[in-house]
Amino acid sequence: MSEVADLERAVDGASAAVAAGAAGVAGAVARVSRTGAAALAVYRRFEASPLARRPRDGDVADRTRMARHDVRAAAQGVLAQLELITLAWMSWDATTRDAMLGELEAASADLEQRVGDLLGG
């Protein structure tokens, strides 16, 4: 499964979990959907770029190697937050839910920043 497909699946799962247990958390579903859509859009932009391609085995490492790694690590951070929300949303109180949504938004912003740094803007 591709990294984009993993993110899509995680956004769907987190959105469903939040929708099922959103009582008392106004706008939580919208926050997950908006943040997930933003992360997907920026990661798709990265994946469409020639800079996203990994060098073939035996090629000399290029100057964007660490930047690609940082983008993929940031995408994994978003994925982890989404999966955690999917798994534990129902067991959290309102304060924890809000904190986790904030962490998801921060992870998504980090991904956007890293893609912007690599792709220029």
PDB file of N, CA and C in Angstrom:
ATOM      1  N   MET A   1       0.850  -1.170   0.000  1.00  0.00           N
ATOM      2  CA  MET A   1       0.000   0.000   0.000  1.00  0.00           C
ATOM      3  C   MET A   1       0.900   1.239   0.000  1.00  0.00           C
ATOM      4  N   SER A   2       0.541   2.237  -0.783  1.00  0.00           N
ATOM      5  CA  SER A   2       1.337   3.451  -0.869  1.00  0.00           C
ATOM      6  C   SER A   2       1.173   4.305   0.386  1.00  0.00           C
ATOM      7  N   GLU A   3       2.100   5.233   0.562  1.00  0.00           N
ATOM      8  CA  GLU A   3       2.014   6.129   1.724  1.00  0.00           C
ATOM      9  C   GLU A   3       0.776   7.016   1.640  1.00  0.00           C
ATOM     10  N   VAL A   4       0.414   7.439   0.426  1.00  0.00           N
ATOM     11  CA  VAL A   4      -0.793   8.249   0.260  1.00  0.00           C
ATOM     12  C   VAL A   4      -2.021   7.421   0.628  1.00  0.00           C
ATOM     13  N   ALA A   5      -2.064   6.178   0.195  1.00  0.00           N
ATOM     14  CA  ALA A   5      -3.196   5.302   0.525  1.00  0.00           C
ATOM     15  C   ALA A   5      -3.276   5.071   2.034  1.00  0.00           C
ATOM     16  N   ASP A   6      -2.129   4.927   2.682  1.00  0.00           N
ATOM     17  CA  ASP A   6      -2.118   4.773   4.145  1.00  0.00           C
ATOM     18  C   ASP A   6      -2.715   6.008   4.818  1.00  0.00           C
ATOM     19  N   LEU A   7      -2.334   7.186   4.352  1.00  0.00           N
ATOM     20  CA  LEU A   7      -2.877   8.421   4.919  1.00  0.00           C
ATOM     21  C   LEU A   7      -4.376   8.533   4.659  1.00  0.00           C
ATOM     22  N   GLU A   8      -4.809   8.199   3.440  1.00  0.00           N
ATOM     23  CA  GLU A   8      -6.248   8.250   3.122  1.00  0.00           C
ATOM     24  C   GLU A   8      -7.043   7.342   4.050  1.00  0.00           C
ATOM     25  N   ARG A   9      -6.550   6.129   4.226  1.00  0.00           N
ATOM     26  CA  ARG A   9      -7.213   5.167   5.103  1.00  0.00           C
ATOM     27  C   ARG A   9      -7.267   5.689   6.535  1.00  0.00           C
ATOM     28  N   ALA A  10      -6.163   6.282   6.991  1.00  0.00           N
ATOM     29  CA  ALA A  10      -6.109   6.790   8.359  1.00  0.00           C
ATOM     30  C   ALA A  10      -7.041   7.989   8.554  1.00  0.00           C
ATOM     31  N   VAL A  11      -7.136   8.859   7.560  1.00  0.00           N
ATOM     32  CA  VAL A  11      -8.059  10.000   7.653  1.00  0.00           C
ATOM     33  C   VAL A  11      -9.487   9.491   7.745  1.00  0.00           C
ATOM     34  N   ASP A  12      -9.822   8.517   6.915  1.00  0.00           N
ATOM     35  CA  ASP A  12     -11.175   7.942   6.955  1.00  0.00           C
ATOM     36  C   ASP A  12     -11.467   7.304   8.308  1.00  0.00           C
ATOM     37  N   GLY A  13     -10.509   6.537   8.829  1.00  0.00           N
ATOM     38  CA  GLY A  13     -10.702   5.877  10.120  1.00  0.00           C
ATOM     39  C   GLY A  13     -10.845   6.853  11.266  1.00  0.00           C
ATOM     40  N   ALA A  14      -9.994   7.877  11.293  1.00  0.00           N
ATOM     41  CA  ALA A  14     -10.067   8.870  12.363  1.00  0.00           C
ATOM     42  C   ALA A  14     -11.355   9.672  12.261  1.00  0.00           C
ATOM     43  N   SER A  15     -11.753  10.026  11.045  1.00  0.00           N
ATOM     44  CA  SER A  15     -13.005  10.763  10.861  1.00  0.00           C
ATOM     45  C   SER A  15     -14.192   9.959  11.361  1.00  0.00           C
ATOM     46  N   ALA A  16     -14.207   8.671  11.061  1.00  0.00           N
ATOM     47  CA  ALA A  16     -15.302   7.807  11.511  1.00  0.00           C
ATOM     48  C   ALA A  16     -15.309   7.675  13.030  1.00  0.00           C
ATOM     49  N   ALA A  17     -14.131   7.524  13.632  1.00  0.00           N
ATOM     50  CA  ALA A  17     -14.049   7.392  15.088  1.00  0.00           C
ATOM     51  C   ALA A  17     -14.521   8.665  15.775  1.00  0.00           C
ATOM     52  N   VAL A  18     -14.112   9.798  15.249  1.00  0.00           N
ATOM     53  CA  VAL A  18     -14.507  11.074  15.841  1.00  0.00           C
ATOM     54  C   VAL A  18     -16.007  11.296  15.659  1.00  0.00           C
ATOM     55  N   ALA A  19     -16.526  10.966  14.497  1.00  0.00           N
ATOM     56  CA  ALA A  19     -17.964  11.129  14.248  1.00  0.00           C
ATOM     57  C   ALA A  19     -18.782  10.251  15.184  1.00  0.00           C
ATOM     58  N   ALA A  20     -18.277   9.065  15.486  1.00  0.00           N
ATOM     59  CA  ALA A  20     -19.003   8.144  16.363  1.00  0.00           C
ATOM     60  C   ALA A  20     -18.986   8.598  17.815  1.00  0.00           C
ATOM     61  N   GLY A  21     -17.993   9.382  18.190  1.00  0.00           N
ATOM     62  CA  GLY A  21     -17.891   9.765  19.589  1.00  0.00           C
ATOM     63  C   GLY A  21     -17.667  11.250  19.789  1.00  0.00           C
ATOM     64  N   ALA A  22     -18.247  12.061  18.938  1.00  0.00           N
ATOM     65  CA  ALA A  22     -17.977  13.503  18.973  1.00  0.00           C
ATOM     66  C   ALA A  22     -18.859  14.282  19.933  1.00  0.00           C
ATOM     67  N   ALA A  23     -19.701  13.611  20.684  1.00  0.00           N
ATOM     68  CA  ALA A  23     -20.575  14.338  21.613  1.00  0.00           C
ATOM     69  C   ALA A  23     -19.753  15.239  22.520  1.00  0.00           C
ATOM     70  N   GLY A  24     -20.110  16.496  22.547  1.00  0.00           N
ATOM     71  CA  GLY A  24     -19.430  17.446  23.406  1.00  0.00           C
ATOM     72  C   GLY A  24     -18.184  18.058  22.809  1.00  0.00           C
ATOM     73  N   VAL A  25     -17.802  17.646  21.603  1.00  0.00           N
ATOM     74  CA  VAL A  25     -16.611  18.195  20.966  1.00  0.00           C
ATOM     75  C   VAL A  25     -17.039  18.860  19.664  1.00  0.00           C
ATOM     76  N   ALA A  26     -17.497  20.075  19.779  1.00  0.00           N
ATOM     77  CA  ALA A  26     -17.983  20.806  18.618  1.00  0.00           C
ATOM     78  C   ALA A  26     -16.865  21.000  17.603  1.00  0.00           C
ATOM     79  N   GLY A  27     -17.134  20.644  16.380  1.00  0.00           N
ATOM     80  CA  GLY A  27     -16.180  20.865  15.301  1.00  0.00           C
ATOM     81  C   GLY A  27     -15.072  19.844  15.196  1.00  0.00           C
ATOM     82  N   ALA A  28     -15.092  18.801  16.021  1.00  0.00           N
ATOM     83  CA  ALA A  28     -13.997  17.822  16.000  1.00  0.00           C
ATOM     84  C   ALA A  28     -13.919  17.092  14.669  1.00  0.00           C
ATOM     85  N   VAL A  29     -15.058  16.702  14.126  1.00  0.00           N
ATOM     86  CA  VAL A  29     -15.057  16.002  12.842  1.00  0.00           C
ATOM     87  C   VAL A  29     -14.494  16.916  11.761  1.00  0.00           C
ATOM     88  N   ALA A  30     -14.901  18.174  11.783  1.00  0.00           N
ATOM     89  CA  ALA A  30     -14.408  19.134  10.789  1.00  0.00           C
ATOM     90  C   ALA A  30     -12.897  19.330  10.928  1.00  0.00           C
ATOM     91  N   ARG A  31     -12.400  19.380  12.159  1.00  0.00           N
ATOM     92  CA  ARG A  31     -10.959  19.553  12.373  1.00  0.00           C
ATOM     93  C   ARG A  31     -10.178  18.375  11.820  1.00  0.00           C
ATOM     94  N   VAL A  32     -10.656  17.162  12.076  1.00  0.00           N
ATOM     95  CA  VAL A  32      -9.962  15.979  11.560  1.00  0.00           C
ATOM     96  C   VAL A  32     -10.025  15.966  10.034  1.00  0.00           C
ATOM     97  N   SER A  33     -11.188  16.213   9.485  1.00  0.00           N
ATOM     98  CA  SER A  33     -11.339  16.195   8.027  1.00  0.00           C
ATOM     99  C   SER A  33     -10.482  17.262   7.359  1.00  0.00           C
ATOM    100  N   ARG A  34     -10.530  18.469   7.893  1.00  0.00           N
ATOM    101  CA  ARG A  34      -9.768  19.587   7.320  1.00  0.00           C
ATOM    102  C   ARG A  34      -8.261  19.317   7.420  1.00  0.00           C
ATOM    103  N   THR A  35      -7.829  18.877   8.579  1.00  0.00           N
ATOM    104  CA  THR A  35      -6.402  18.627   8.786  1.00  0.00           C
ATOM    105  C   THR A  35      -5.925  17.448   7.947  1.00  0.00           C
ATOM    106  N   GLY A  36      -6.732  16.392   7.902  1.00  0.00           N
ATOM    107  CA  GLY A  36      -6.375  15.235   7.086  1.00  0.00           C
ATOM    108  C   GLY A  36      -6.313  15.573   5.609  1.00  0.00           C
ATOM    109  N   ALA A  37      -7.272  16.345   5.134  1.00  0.00           N
ATOM    110  CA  ALA A  37      -7.286  16.743   3.725  1.00  0.00           C
ATOM    111  C   ALA A  37      -6.070  17.601   3.394  1.00  0.00           C
ATOM    112  N   ALA A  38      -5.704  18.497   4.303  1.00  0.00           N
ATOM    113  CA  ALA A  38      -4.532  19.342   4.077  1.00  0.00           C
ATOM    114  C   ALA A  38      -3.259  18.504   4.020  1.00  0.00           C
ATOM    115  N   ALA A  39      -3.125  17.557   4.940  1.00  0.00           N
ATOM    116  CA  ALA A  39      -1.945  16.689   4.952  1.00  0.00           C
ATOM    117  C   ALA A  39      -1.879  15.849   3.681  1.00  0.00           C
ATOM    118  N   LEU A  40      -3.014  15.326   3.254  1.00  0.00           N
ATOM    119  CA  LEU A  40      -3.049  14.543   2.017  1.00  0.00           C
ATOM    120  C   LEU A  40      -2.659  15.390   0.814  1.00  0.00           C
ATOM    121  N   ALA A  41      -3.176  16.594   0.731  1.00  0.00           N
ATOM    122  CA  ALA A  41      -2.876  17.463  -0.409  1.00  0.00           C
ATOM    123  C   ALA A  41      -1.391  17.785  -0.476  1.00  0.00           C
ATOM    124  N   VAL A  42      -0.798  18.112   0.648  1.00  0.00           N
ATOM    125  CA  VAL A  42       0.612  18.476   0.642  1.00  0.00           C
ATOM    126  C   VAL A  42       1.481  17.243   0.380  1.00  0.00           C
ATOM    127  N   TYR A  43       1.076  16.084   0.889  1.00  0.00           N
ATOM    128  CA  TYR A  43       1.876  14.887   0.641  1.00  0.00           C
ATOM    129  C   TYR A  43       1.749  14.437  -0.815  1.00  0.00           C
ATOM    130  N   ARG A  44       0.579  14.599  -1.394  1.00  0.00           N
ATOM    131  CA  ARG A  44       0.426  14.302  -2.829  1.00  0.00           C
ATOM    132  C   ARG A  44       1.301  15.231  -3.660  1.00  0.00           C
ATOM    133  N   ARG A  45       1.385  16.491  -3.252  1.00  0.00           N
ATOM    134  CA  ARG A  45       2.257  17.448  -3.949  1.00  0.00           C
ATOM    135  C   ARG A  45       3.703  16.971  -3.894  1.00  0.00           C
ATOM    136  N   PHE A  46       4.121  16.520  -2.727  1.00  0.00           N
ATOM    137  CA  PHE A  46       5.471  15.986  -2.580  1.00  0.00           C
ATOM    138  C   PHE A  46       5.672  14.766  -3.475  1.00  0.00           C
ATOM    139  N   GLU A  47       4.746  13.831  -3.421  1.00  0.00           N
ATOM    140  CA  GLU A  47       4.881  12.594  -4.191  1.00  0.00           C
ATOM    141  C   GLU A  47       4.922  12.851  -5.701  1.00  0.00           C
ATOM    142  N   ALA A  48       4.260  13.909  -6.165  1.00  0.00           N
ATOM    143  CA  ALA A  48       4.239  14.241  -7.593  1.00  0.00           C
ATOM    144  C   ALA A  48       5.531  14.904  -8.055  1.00  0.00           C
ATOM    145  N   SER A  49       6.326  15.343  -7.123  1.00  0.00           N
ATOM    146  CA  SER A  49       7.562  16.041  -7.459  1.00  0.00           C
ATOM    147  C   SER A  49       8.671  15.052  -7.807  1.00  0.00           C
ATOM    148  N   PRO A  50       9.507  15.404  -8.779  1.00  0.00           N
ATOM    149  CA  PRO A  50      10.679  14.556  -9.064  1.00  0.00           C
ATOM    150  C   PRO A  50      11.616  14.440  -7.859  1.00  0.00           C
ATOM    151  N   LEU A  51      11.579  15.420  -6.961  1.00  0.00           N
ATOM    152  CA  LEU A  51      12.434  15.368  -5.773  1.00  0.00           C
ATOM    153  C   LEU A  51      12.023  14.264  -4.807  1.00  0.00           C
ATOM    154  N   ALA A  52      10.820  13.728  -4.955  1.00  0.00           N
ATOM    155  CA  ALA A  52      10.353  12.672  -4.061  1.00  0.00           C
ATOM    156  C   ALA A  52      10.942  11.317  -4.411  1.00  0.00           C
ATOM    157  N   ARG A  53      11.443  11.201  -5.612  1.00  0.00           N
ATOM    158  CA  ARG A  53      11.956   9.889  -6.054  1.00  0.00           C
ATOM    159  C   ARG A  53      13.251   9.539  -5.344  1.00  0.00           C
ATOM    160  N   ARG A  54      13.277   8.322  -4.872  1.00  0.00           N
ATOM    161  CA  ARG A  54      14.481   7.824  -4.206  1.00  0.00           C
ATOM    162  C   ARG A  54      15.505   7.438  -5.266  1.00  0.00           C
ATOM    163  N   PRO A  55      16.788   7.658  -4.963  1.00  0.00           N
ATOM    164  CA  PRO A  55      17.808   7.224  -5.925  1.00  0.00           C
ATOM    165  C   PRO A  55      17.827   5.704  -6.043  1.00  0.00           C
ATOM    166  N   ARG A  56      18.225   5.237  -7.198  1.00  0.00           N
ATOM    167  CA  ARG A  56      18.332   3.783  -7.390  1.00  0.00           C
ATOM    168  C   ARG A  56      19.480   3.239  -6.547  1.00  0.00           C
ATOM    169  N   ASP A  57      19.416   1.956  -6.246  1.00  0.00           N
ATOM    170  CA  ASP A  57      20.506   1.310  -5.505  1.00  0.00           C
ATOM    171  C   ASP A  57      21.808   1.537  -6.253  1.00  0.00           C
ATOM    172  N   GLY A  58      22.807   1.920  -5.513  1.00  0.00           N
ATOM    173  CA  GLY A  58      24.112   2.147  -6.094  1.00  0.00           C
ATOM    174  C   GLY A  58      24.370   3.576  -6.521  1.00  0.00           C
ATOM    175  N   ASP A  59      23.319   4.390  -6.636  1.00  0.00           N
ATOM    176  CA  ASP A  59      23.509   5.794  -6.978  1.00  0.00           C
ATOM    177  C   ASP A  59      24.140   6.529  -5.801  1.00  0.00           C
ATOM    178  N   VAL A  60      24.857   7.558  -6.125  1.00  0.00           N
ATOM    179  CA  VAL A  60      25.429   8.409  -5.090  1.00  0.00           C
ATOM    180  C   VAL A  60      24.282   9.161  -4.418  1.00  0.00           C
ATOM    181  N   ALA A  61      24.324   9.238  -3.107  1.00  0.00           N
ATOM    182  CA  ALA A  61      23.272   9.955  -2.371  1.00  0.00           C
ATOM    183  C   ALA A  61      23.242  11.413  -2.826  1.00  0.00           C
ATOM    184  N   ASP A  62      22.067  11.914  -3.021  1.00  0.00           N
ATOM    185  CA  ASP A  62      21.939  13.292  -3.486  1.00  0.00           C
ATOM    186  C   ASP A  62      21.669  14.227  -2.315  1.00  0.00           C
ATOM    187  N   ARG A  63      21.674  15.524  -2.596  1.00  0.00           N
ATOM    188  CA  ARG A  63      21.546  16.536  -1.547  1.00  0.00           C
ATOM    189  C   ARG A  63      20.156  16.584  -0.932  1.00  0.00           C
ATOM    190  N   THR A  64      19.155  15.987  -1.570  1.00  0.00           N
ATOM    191  CA  THR A  64      17.798  16.038  -1.034  1.00  0.00           C
ATOM    192  C   THR A  64      17.442  14.798  -0.207  1.00  0.00           C
ATOM    193  N   ARG A  65      18.394  13.924  -0.013  1.00  0.00           N
ATOM    194  CA  ARG A  65      18.115  12.681   0.717  1.00  0.00           C
ATOM    195  C   ARG A  65      17.534  12.939   2.103  1.00  0.00           C
ATOM    196  N   MET A  66      18.180  13.781   2.879  1.00  0.00           N
ATOM    197  CA  MET A  66      17.704  14.042   4.241  1.00  0.00           C
ATOM    198  C   MET A  66      16.373  14.796   4.231  1.00  0.00           C
ATOM    199  N   ALA A  67      16.194  15.687   3.279  1.00  0.00           N
ATOM    200  CA  ALA A  67      14.925  16.422   3.192  1.00  0.00           C
ATOM    201  C   ALA A  67      13.782  15.465   2.866  1.00  0.00           C
ATOM    202  N   ARG A  68      14.017  14.511   1.949  1.00  0.00           N
ATOM    203  CA  ARG A  68      12.984  13.500   1.642  1.00  0.00           C
ATOM    204  C   ARG A  68      12.672  12.678   2.877  1.00  0.00           C
ATOM    205  N   HIS A  69      13.715  12.306   3.600  1.00  0.00           N
ATOM    206  CA  HIS A  69      13.524  11.545   4.842  1.00  0.00           C
ATOM    207  C   HIS A  69      12.686  12.350   5.833  1.00  0.00           C
ATOM    208  N   ASP A  70      12.999  13.633   5.972  1.00  0.00           N
ATOM    209  CA  ASP A  70      12.261  14.477   6.911  1.00  0.00           C
ATOM    210  C   ASP A  70      10.794  14.605   6.517  1.00  0.00           C
ATOM    211  N   VAL A  71      10.510  14.714   5.226  1.00  0.00           N
ATOM    212  CA  VAL A  71       9.121  14.785   4.760  1.00  0.00           C
ATOM    213  C   VAL A  71       8.406  13.483   5.088  1.00  0.00           C
ATOM    214  N   ARG A  72       9.032  12.373   4.789  1.00  0.00           N
ATOM    215  CA  ARG A  72       8.390  11.084   5.060  1.00  0.00           C
ATOM    216  C   ARG A  72       8.210  10.854   6.557  1.00  0.00           C
ATOM    217  N   ALA A  73       9.161  11.298   7.354  1.00  0.00           N
ATOM    218  CA  ALA A  73       9.024  11.182   8.815  1.00  0.00           C
ATOM    219  C   ALA A  73       7.864  12.043   9.312  1.00  0.00           C
ATOM    220  N   ALA A  74       7.720  13.234   8.758  1.00  0.00           N
ATOM    221  CA  ALA A  74       6.597  14.097   9.140  1.00  0.00           C
ATOM    222  C   ALA A  74       5.268  13.471   8.723  1.00  0.00           C
ATOM    223  N   ALA A  75       5.229  12.846   7.557  1.00  0.00           N
ATOM    224  CA  ALA A  75       4.007  12.167   7.117  1.00  0.00           C
ATOM    225  C   ALA A  75       3.677  11.009   8.052  1.00  0.00           C
ATOM    226  N   GLN A  76       4.694  10.315   8.529  1.00  0.00           N
ATOM    227  CA  GLN A  76       4.469   9.233   9.487  1.00  0.00           C
ATOM    228  C   GLN A  76       3.949   9.781  10.808  1.00  0.00           C
ATOM    229  N   GLY A  77       4.368  10.978  11.178  1.00  0.00           N
ATOM    230  CA  GLY A  77       3.835  11.617  12.382  1.00  0.00           C
ATOM    231  C   GLY A  77       2.347  11.897  12.259  1.00  0.00           C
ATOM    232  N   VAL A  78       1.930  12.385  11.101  1.00  0.00           N
ATOM    233  CA  VAL A  78       0.499  12.619  10.854  1.00  0.00           C
ATOM    234  C   VAL A  78      -0.244  11.291  10.892  1.00  0.00           C
ATOM    235  N   LEU A  79       0.296  10.294  10.225  1.00  0.00           N
ATOM    236  CA  LEU A  79      -0.329   8.973  10.198  1.00  0.00           C
ATOM    237  C   LEU A  79      -0.480   8.416  11.614  1.00  0.00           C
ATOM    238  N   ALA A  80       0.546   8.551  12.430  1.00  0.00           N
ATOM    239  CA  ALA A  80       0.491   8.049  13.806  1.00  0.00           C
ATOM    240  C   ALA A  80      -0.590   8.754  14.611  1.00  0.00           C
ATOM    241  N   GLN A  81      -0.699  10.069  14.461  1.00  0.00           N
ATOM    242  CA  GLN A  81      -1.741  10.808  15.180  1.00  0.00           C
ATOM    243  C   GLN A  81      -3.127  10.352  14.747  1.00  0.00           C
ATOM    244  N   LEU A  82      -3.321  10.183  13.438  1.00  0.00           N
ATOM    245  CA  LEU A  82      -4.619   9.736  12.935  1.00  0.00           C
ATOM    246  C   LEU A  82      -4.968   8.344  13.469  1.00  0.00           C
ATOM    247  N   GLU A  83      -3.993   7.449  13.461  1.00  0.00           N
ATOM    248  CA  GLU A  83      -4.252   6.091  13.946  1.00  0.00           C
ATOM    249  C   GLU A  83      -4.522   6.077  15.447  1.00  0.00           C
ATOM    250  N   LEU A  84      -3.818   6.906  16.193  1.00  0.00           N
ATOM    251  CA  LEU A  84      -4.062   6.992  17.624  1.00  0.00           C
ATOM    252  C   LEU A  84      -5.475   7.506  17.897  1.00  0.00           C
ATOM    253  N   ILE A  85      -5.900   8.505  17.155  1.00  0.00           N
ATOM    254  CA  ILE A  85      -7.265   9.019  17.293  1.00  0.00           C
ATOM    255  C   ILE A  85      -8.270   7.918  16.980  1.00  0.00           C
ATOM    256  N   THR A  86      -8.017   7.163  15.915  1.00  0.00           N
ATOM    257  CA  THR A  86      -8.921   6.074  15.543  1.00  0.00           C
ATOM    258  C   THR A  86      -9.043   5.056  16.670  1.00  0.00           C
ATOM    259  N   LEU A  87      -7.928   4.712  17.271  1.00  0.00           N
ATOM    260  CA  LEU A  87      -7.922   3.670  18.295  1.00  0.00           C
ATOM    261  C   LEU A  87      -8.463   4.116  19.650  1.00  0.00           C
ATOM    262  N   ALA A  88      -8.197   5.347  20.029  1.00  0.00           N
ATOM    263  CA  ALA A  88      -8.452   5.724  21.419  1.00  0.00           C
ATOM    264  C   ALA A  88      -9.470   6.839  21.620  1.00  0.00           C
ATOM    265  N   TRP A  89     -10.021   7.379  20.574  1.00  0.00           N
ATOM    266  CA  TRP A  89     -10.917   8.540  20.695  1.00  0.00           C
ATOM    267  C   TRP A  89     -12.008   8.333  21.737  1.00  0.00           C
ATOM    268  N   MET A  90     -12.663   7.196  21.697  1.00  0.00           N
ATOM    269  CA  MET A  90     -13.800   6.942  22.581  1.00  0.00           C
ATOM    270  C   MET A  90     -13.402   6.889  24.058  1.00  0.00           C
ATOM    271  N   SER A  91     -12.150   6.595  24.351  1.00  0.00           N
ATOM    272  CA  SER A  91     -11.730   6.473  25.745  1.00  0.00           C
ATOM    273  C   SER A  91     -11.211   7.792  26.331  1.00  0.00           C
ATOM    274  N   TRP A  92     -11.055   8.816  25.524  1.00  0.00           N
ATOM    275  CA  TRP A  92     -10.510  10.087  26.003  1.00  0.00           C
ATOM    276  C   TRP A  92     -11.604  11.022  26.476  1.00  0.00           C
ATOM    277  N   ASP A  93     -11.245  11.861  27.433  1.00  0.00           N
ATOM    278  CA  ASP A  93     -12.162  12.923  27.852  1.00  0.00           C
ATOM    279  C   ASP A  93     -12.011  14.107  26.888  1.00  0.00           C
ATOM    280  N   ALA A  94     -12.847  15.111  27.039  1.00  0.00           N
ATOM    281  CA  ALA A  94     -12.878  16.246  26.109  1.00  0.00           C
ATOM    282  C   ALA A  94     -11.537  16.981  26.054  1.00  0.00           C
ATOM    283  N   THR A  95     -10.878  17.110  27.189  1.00  0.00           N
ATOM    284  CA  THR A  95      -9.592  17.817  27.226  1.00  0.00           C
ATOM    285  C   THR A  95      -8.536  17.062  26.428  1.00  0.00           C
ATOM    286  N   THR A  96      -8.477  15.761  26.603  1.00  0.00           N
ATOM    287  CA  THR A  96      -7.510  14.938  25.880  1.00  0.00           C
ATOM    288  C   THR A  96      -7.830  14.940  24.387  1.00  0.00           C
ATOM    289  N   ARG A  97      -9.108  14.853  24.044  1.00  0.00           N
ATOM    290  CA  ARG A  97      -9.498  14.885  22.631  1.00  0.00           C
ATOM    291  C   ARG A  97      -9.032  16.178  21.977  1.00  0.00           C
ATOM    292  N   ASP A  98      -9.265  17.293  22.647  1.00  0.00           N
ATOM    293  CA  ASP A  98      -8.857  18.575  22.088  1.00  0.00           C
ATOM    294  C   ASP A  98      -7.339  18.646  21.946  1.00  0.00           C
ATOM    295  N   ALA A  99      -6.623  18.142  22.925  1.00  0.00           N
ATOM    296  CA  ALA A  99      -5.155  18.131  22.868  1.00  0.00           C
ATOM    297  C   ALA A  99      -4.666  17.278  21.703  1.00  0.00           C
ATOM    298  N   MET A 100      -5.294  16.141  21.494  1.00  0.00           N
ATOM    299  CA  MET A 100      -4.883  15.264  20.400  1.00  0.00           C
ATOM    300  C   MET A 100      -5.180  15.886  19.036  1.00  0.00           C
ATOM    301  N   LEU A 101      -6.288  16.590  18.927  1.00  0.00           N
ATOM    302  CA  LEU A 101      -6.577  17.295  17.677  1.00  0.00           C
ATOM    303  C   LEU A 101      -5.536  18.388  17.430  1.00  0.00           C
ATOM    304  N   GLY A 102      -5.115  19.052  18.494  1.00  0.00           N
ATOM    305  CA  GLY A 102      -4.055  20.045  18.375  1.00  0.00           C
ATOM    306  C   GLY A 102      -2.739  19.421  17.926  1.00  0.00           C
ATOM    307  N   GLU A 103      -2.434  18.246  18.449  1.00  0.00           N
ATOM    308  CA  GLU A 103      -1.211  17.549  18.035  1.00  0.00           C
ATOM    309  C   GLU A 103      -1.296  17.115  16.576  1.00  0.00           C
ATOM    310  N   LEU A 104      -2.463  16.683  16.138  1.00  0.00           N
ATOM    311  CA  LEU A 104      -2.652  16.329  14.734  1.00  0.00           C
ATOM    312  C   LEU A 104      -2.434  17.558  13.856  1.00  0.00           C
ATOM    313  N   GLU A 105      -2.995  18.681  14.256  1.00  0.00           N
ATOM    314  CA  GLU A 105      -2.825  19.910  13.476  1.00  0.00           C
ATOM    315  C   GLU A 105      -1.355  20.338  13.433  1.00  0.00           C
ATOM    316  N   ALA A 106      -0.650  20.180  14.539  1.00  0.00           N
ATOM    317  CA  ALA A 106       0.777  20.521  14.580  1.00  0.00           C
ATOM    318  C   ALA A 106       1.585  19.586  13.676  1.00  0.00           C
ATOM    319  N   ALA A 107       1.256  18.302  13.692  1.00  0.00           N
ATOM    320  CA  ALA A 107       1.951  17.340  12.834  1.00  0.00           C
ATOM    321  C   ALA A 107       1.706  17.650  11.368  1.00  0.00           C
ATOM    322  N   SER A 108       0.485  18.025  11.033  1.00  0.00           N
ATOM    323  CA  SER A 108       0.155  18.387   9.655  1.00  0.00           C
ATOM    324  C   SER A 108       0.898  19.654   9.235  1.00  0.00           C
ATOM    325  N   ALA A 109       0.982  20.638  10.132  1.00  0.00           N
ATOM    326  CA  ALA A 109       1.711  21.869   9.832  1.00  0.00           C
ATOM    327  C   ALA A 109       3.197  21.586   9.631  1.00  0.00           C
ATOM    328  N   ASP A 110       3.751  20.670  10.411  1.00  0.00           N
ATOM    329  CA  ASP A 110       5.150  20.278  10.249  1.00  0.00           C
ATOM    330  C   ASP A 110       5.368  19.644   8.881  1.00  0.00           C
ATOM    331  N   LEU A 111       4.457  18.768   8.474  1.00  0.00           N
ATOM    332  CA  LEU A 111       4.551  18.149   7.154  1.00  0.00           C
ATOM    333  C   LEU A 111       4.509  19.218   6.064  1.00  0.00           C
ATOM    334  N   GLU A 112       3.570  20.150   6.179  1.00  0.00           N
ATOM    335  CA  GLU A 112       3.465  21.215   5.180  1.00  0.00           C
ATOM    336  C   GLU A 112       4.744  22.046   5.116  1.00  0.00           C
ATOM    337  N   GLN A 113       5.311  22.350   6.266  1.00  0.00           N
ATOM    338  CA  GLN A 113       6.552  23.138   6.298  1.00  0.00           C
ATOM    339  C   GLN A 113       7.698  22.381   5.631  1.00  0.00           C
ATOM    340  N   ARG A 114       7.816  21.104   5.927  1.00  0.00           N
ATOM    341  CA  ARG A 114       8.934  20.316   5.354  1.00  0.00           C
ATOM    342  C   ARG A 114       8.794  20.162   3.845  1.00  0.00           C
ATOM    343  N   VAL A 115       7.564  19.953   3.382  1.00  0.00           N
ATOM    344  CA  VAL A 115       7.351  19.865   1.930  1.00  0.00           C
ATOM    345  C   VAL A 115       7.657  21.213   1.286  1.00  0.00           C
ATOM    346  N   GLY A 116       7.198  22.293   1.926  1.00  0.00           N
ATOM    347  CA  GLY A 116       7.497  23.628   1.410  1.00  0.00           C
ATOM    348  C   GLY A 116       8.981  23.899   1.345  1.00  0.00           C
ATOM    349  N   ASP A 117       9.716  23.487   2.364  1.00  0.00           N
ATOM    350  CA  ASP A 117      11.176  23.679   2.381  1.00  0.00           C
ATOM    351  C   ASP A 117      11.831  22.913   1.239  1.00  0.00           C
ATOM    352  N   LEU A 118      11.390  21.691   0.992  1.00  0.00           N
ATOM    353  CA  LEU A 118      11.985  20.870  -0.051  1.00  0.00           C
ATOM    354  C   LEU A 118      11.610  21.356  -1.444  1.00  0.00           C
ATOM    355  N   LEU A 119      10.349  21.681  -1.632  1.00  0.00           N
ATOM    356  CA  LEU A 119       9.859  22.029  -2.962  1.00  0.00           C
ATOM    357  C   LEU A 119       9.860  23.527  -3.250  1.00  0.00           C
ATOM    358  N   GLY A 120      10.167  24.309  -2.228  1.00  0.00           N
ATOM    359  CA  GLY A 120      10.234  25.743  -2.438  1.00  0.00           C
ATOM    360  C   GLY A 120       8.888  26.421  -2.454  1.00  0.00           C
ATOM    361  N   GLY A 121       8.273  26.491  -1.283  1.00  0.00           N
ATOM    362  CA  GLY A 121       7.019  27.241  -1.216  1.00  0.00           C
ATOM    363  C   GLY A 121       5.878  26.509  -0.821  1.00  0.00           C
TER     364      GLY A 121
END
